[in-house]
Amino acid sequence: MTLVSWLRAEQTDTWYIGGNGEIGGNGGRGQLPGFDAARIGELVQIIDEHYVAWDAWFASCGINPLRVRYEELDADMAGVTEGILTFLGLRSPEGHAIAPRHKRQADELNNQWIERYRAESAQH
């Protein structure tokens, strides 16, 4: 659930950590992130609205897009990227490996928040 990472980025102002350790954003605020079910719910709604809007736009233009879910990209970045290139009729250059430029920020805290949000949402 990428929304948890989005929430943490909003709270800490750390949007990415580069492969060399550089931090994107304002270098963080030194604020510890805190679980916020209401904000996660708002982010879920925002993403759902965006999906609907993109679907409507693609349909109005007669475009059948390649759909890539973040979770798929996260699980197999190189394979998904190759799939995107293939969809576009392109190939990656010989001898160039596809590798992430940023470190994944999700960690055990993300997993705990996801489980907590799902549990609390199921009760309502």
C-alpha atoms as a PDB file:
ATOM      1  CA  MET A   1       0.000   0.000   0.000  1.00  0.00           C
ATOM      2  CA  THR A   2       1.969   2.938  -1.341  1.00  0.00           C
ATOM      3  CA  LEU A   3      -0.330   5.301   0.504  1.00  0.00           C
ATOM      4  CA  VAL A   4       1.495   4.580   3.738  1.00  0.00           C
ATOM      5  CA  SER A   5       4.763   5.688   2.136  1.00  0.00           C
ATOM      6  CA  TRP A   6       2.980   8.785   0.824  1.00  0.00           C
ATOM      7  CA  LEU A   7       1.748   9.592   4.344  1.00  0.00           C
ATOM      8  CA  ARG A   8       5.217   9.114   5.820  1.00  0.00           C
ATOM      9  CA  ALA A   9       6.729  11.338   3.128  1.00  0.00           C
ATOM     10  CA  GLU A  10       4.190  14.067   3.892  1.00  0.00           C
ATOM     11  CA  GLN A  11       4.910  13.844   7.595  1.00  0.00           C
ATOM     12  CA  THR A  12       8.706  13.730   7.392  1.00  0.00           C
ATOM     13  CA  ASP A  13       9.265  15.641   4.119  1.00  0.00           C
ATOM     14  CA  THR A  14      11.510  12.832   2.917  1.00  0.00           C
ATOM     15  CA  TRP A  15      10.230  11.765  -0.496  1.00  0.00           C
ATOM     16  CA  TYR A  16      13.035   9.482  -1.605  1.00  0.00           C
ATOM     17  CA  ILE A  17      16.456   8.257  -0.624  1.00  0.00           C
ATOM     18  CA  GLY A  18      18.870   8.008  -3.524  1.00  0.00           C
ATOM     19  CA  GLY A  19      21.195   5.128  -4.198  1.00  0.00           C
ATOM     20  CA  ASN A  20      24.043   7.207  -2.769  1.00  0.00           C
ATOM     21  CA  GLY A  21      22.094   8.073   0.363  1.00  0.00           C
ATOM     22  CA  GLU A  22      20.946  11.526  -0.729  1.00  0.00           C
ATOM     23  CA  ILE A  23      17.528  12.521   0.564  1.00  0.00           C
ATOM     24  CA  GLY A  24      14.846  14.041  -1.658  1.00  0.00           C
ATOM     25  CA  GLY A  25      12.637  16.715  -0.226  1.00  0.00           C
ATOM     26  CA  ASN A  26      13.771  19.172   2.375  1.00  0.00           C
ATOM     27  CA  GLY A  27      16.052  16.629   3.972  1.00  0.00           C
ATOM     28  CA  GLY A  28      13.418  15.601   6.429  1.00  0.00           C
ATOM     29  CA  ARG A  29      12.024  17.641   9.278  1.00  0.00           C
ATOM     30  CA  GLY A  30      13.291  15.409  12.006  1.00  0.00           C
ATOM     31  CA  GLN A  31       9.647  14.569  12.710  1.00  0.00           C
ATOM     32  CA  LEU A  32       8.795  10.989  13.533  1.00  0.00           C
ATOM     33  CA  PRO A  33       5.945   9.659  11.416  1.00  0.00           C
ATOM     34  CA  GLY A  34       2.700   8.763  13.159  1.00  0.00           C
ATOM     35  CA  PHE A  35      -0.156   6.489  12.129  1.00  0.00           C
ATOM     36  CA  ASP A  36      -3.135   8.470  10.817  1.00  0.00           C
ATOM     37  CA  ALA A  37      -6.021   6.295   9.629  1.00  0.00           C
ATOM     38  CA  ALA A  38      -8.073   9.306   8.535  1.00  0.00           C
ATOM     39  CA  ARG A  39      -5.301  10.614   6.288  1.00  0.00           C
ATOM     40  CA  ILE A  40      -4.660   7.161   4.834  1.00  0.00           C
ATOM     41  CA  GLY A  41      -8.382   6.986   4.035  1.00  0.00           C
ATOM     42  CA  GLU A  42      -8.174  10.383   2.319  1.00  0.00           C
ATOM     43  CA  LEU A  43      -5.205   9.192   0.250  1.00  0.00           C
ATOM     44  CA  VAL A  44      -7.124   6.037  -0.715  1.00  0.00           C
ATOM     45  CA  GLN A  45      -9.972   8.254  -1.936  1.00  0.00           C
ATOM     46  CA  ILE A  46      -7.585  10.538  -3.854  1.00  0.00           C
ATOM     47  CA  ILE A  47      -5.977   7.580  -5.624  1.00  0.00           C
ATOM     48  CA  ASP A  48      -9.382   6.068  -6.441  1.00  0.00           C
ATOM     49  CA  GLU A  49     -10.524   9.399  -7.905  1.00  0.00           C
ATOM     50  CA  HIS A  50      -7.349   9.638  -9.976  1.00  0.00           C
ATOM     51  CA  TYR A  51      -7.847   6.123 -11.349  1.00  0.00           C
ATOM     52  CA  VAL A  52     -11.391   7.016 -12.410  1.00  0.00           C
ATOM     53  CA  ALA A  53     -10.234  10.263 -14.021  1.00  0.00           C
ATOM     54  CA  TRP A  54      -7.390   8.579 -15.918  1.00  0.00           C
ATOM     55  CA  ASP A  55      -9.704   5.793 -17.113  1.00  0.00           C
ATOM     56  CA  ALA A  56     -12.184   8.382 -18.375  1.00  0.00           C
ATOM     57  CA  TRP A  57      -9.463  10.365 -20.125  1.00  0.00           C
ATOM     58  CA  PHE A  58      -7.960   7.301 -21.825  1.00  0.00           C
ATOM     59  CA  ALA A  59     -11.431   6.139 -22.906  1.00  0.00           C
ATOM     60  CA  SER A  60     -12.279   9.581 -24.312  1.00  0.00           C
ATOM     61  CA  CYS A  61      -9.089   9.466 -26.383  1.00  0.00           C
ATOM     62  CA  GLY A  62      -9.601   5.862 -27.502  1.00  0.00           C
ATOM     63  CA  ILE A  63      -6.387   4.779 -25.782  1.00  0.00           C
ATOM     64  CA  ASN A  64      -5.897   1.328 -24.302  1.00  0.00           C
ATOM     65  CA  PRO A  65      -3.027   1.990 -21.874  1.00  0.00           C
ATOM     66  CA  LEU A  66      -0.582  -0.468 -20.431  1.00  0.00           C
ATOM     67  CA  ARG A  67      -1.532  -0.745 -16.781  1.00  0.00           C
ATOM     68  CA  VAL A  68       1.312  -1.045 -14.311  1.00  0.00           C
ATOM     69  CA  ARG A  69       0.605  -1.374 -10.625  1.00  0.00           C
ATOM     70  CA  TYR A  70       3.160  -0.026  -8.196  1.00  0.00           C
ATOM     71  CA  GLU A  71       3.198  -3.336  -6.335  1.00  0.00           C
ATOM     72  CA  GLU A  72       4.168  -5.146  -9.550  1.00  0.00           C
ATOM     73  CA  LEU A  73       6.906  -2.606 -10.267  1.00  0.00           C
ATOM     74  CA  ASP A  74       8.172  -2.897  -6.703  1.00  0.00           C
ATOM     75  CA  ALA A  75       8.262  -6.700  -6.871  1.00  0.00           C
ATOM     76  CA  ASP A  76      10.048  -6.894 -10.249  1.00  0.00           C
ATOM     77  CA  MET A  77      11.314  -3.513 -11.383  1.00  0.00           C
ATOM     78  CA  ALA A  78      13.554  -4.856 -14.135  1.00  0.00           C
ATOM     79  CA  GLY A  79      10.902  -7.207 -15.529  1.00  0.00           C
ATOM     80  CA  VAL A  80       8.141  -4.603 -15.469  1.00  0.00           C
ATOM     81  CA  THR A  81      10.422  -1.999 -17.044  1.00  0.00           C
ATOM     82  CA  GLU A  82      11.297  -4.455 -19.819  1.00  0.00           C
ATOM     83  CA  GLY A  83       7.575  -5.075 -20.287  1.00  0.00           C
ATOM     84  CA  ILE A  84       6.971  -1.329 -20.665  1.00  0.00           C
ATOM     85  CA  LEU A  85       9.755  -1.071 -23.234  1.00  0.00           C
ATOM     86  CA  THR A  86       8.304  -4.028 -25.145  1.00  0.00           C
ATOM     87  CA  PHE A  87       4.830  -2.433 -25.060  1.00  0.00           C
ATOM     88  CA  LEU A  88       6.377   0.698 -26.591  1.00  0.00           C
ATOM     89  CA  GLY A  89       8.247  -1.326 -29.203  1.00  0.00           C
ATOM     90  CA  LEU A  90      11.624  -0.552 -27.655  1.00  0.00           C
ATOM     91  CA  ARG A  91      14.503  -2.555 -26.232  1.00  0.00           C
ATOM     92  CA  SER A  92      16.958  -1.691 -23.500  1.00  0.00           C
ATOM     93  CA  PRO A  93      20.496  -1.092 -24.748  1.00  0.00           C
ATOM     94  CA  GLU A  94      22.813  -4.088 -24.719  1.00  0.00           C
ATOM     95  CA  GLY A  95      24.964  -4.278 -21.626  1.00  0.00           C
ATOM     96  CA  HIS A  96      22.828  -1.856 -19.618  1.00  0.00           C
ATOM     97  CA  ALA A  97      21.137  -3.411 -16.609  1.00  0.00           C
ATOM     98  CA  ILE A  98      17.944  -1.895 -15.273  1.00  0.00           C
ATOM     99  CA  ALA A  99      18.618  -0.952 -11.668  1.00  0.00           C
ATOM    100  CA  PRO A 100      16.832   1.303  -9.170  1.00  0.00           C
ATOM    101  CA  ARG A 101      18.271   4.752  -8.561  1.00  0.00           C
ATOM    102  CA  HIS A 102      16.504   5.165  -5.225  1.00  0.00           C
ATOM    103  CA  LYS A 103      16.267   3.064  -2.116  1.00  0.00           C
ATOM    104  CA  ARG A 104      12.883   1.689  -1.118  1.00  0.00           C
ATOM    105  CA  GLN A 105      11.640   3.512   1.962  1.00  0.00           C
ATOM    106  CA  ALA A 106       8.987   1.013   2.998  1.00  0.00           C
ATOM    107  CA  ASP A 107       9.932  -0.970   6.059  1.00  0.00           C
ATOM    108  CA  GLU A 108       8.402  -2.877   8.970  1.00  0.00           C
ATOM    109  CA  LEU A 109       6.638   0.272  10.188  1.00  0.00           C
ATOM    110  CA  ASN A 110       4.855   0.490   6.824  1.00  0.00           C
ATOM    111  CA  ASN A 111       3.775  -3.132   7.181  1.00  0.00           C
ATOM    112  CA  GLN A 112       2.444  -2.483  10.690  1.00  0.00           C
ATOM    113  CA  TRP A 113       0.479   0.566   9.525  1.00  0.00           C
ATOM    114  CA  ILE A 114      -0.969  -1.321   6.563  1.00  0.00           C
ATOM    115  CA  GLU A 115      -2.162  -4.146   8.799  1.00  0.00           C
ATOM    116  CA  ARG A 116      -3.529  -1.693  11.355  1.00  0.00           C
ATOM    117  CA  TYR A 117      -5.366   0.334   8.702  1.00  0.00           C
ATOM    118  CA  ARG A 118      -6.875  -2.799   7.160  1.00  0.00           C
ATOM    119  CA  ALA A 119      -7.971  -4.085  10.552  1.00  0.00           C
ATOM    120  CA  GLU A 120      -9.527  -0.762  11.554  1.00  0.00           C
ATOM    121  CA  SER A 121     -11.200  -0.358   8.146  1.00  0.00           C
ATOM    122  CA  ALA A 122     -12.713  -3.845   8.365  1.00  0.00           C
ATOM    123  CA  GLN A 123     -14.373  -2.899  11.662  1.00  0.00           C
ATOM    124  CA  HIS A 124     -16.257   0.033  10.075  1.00  0.00           C
END
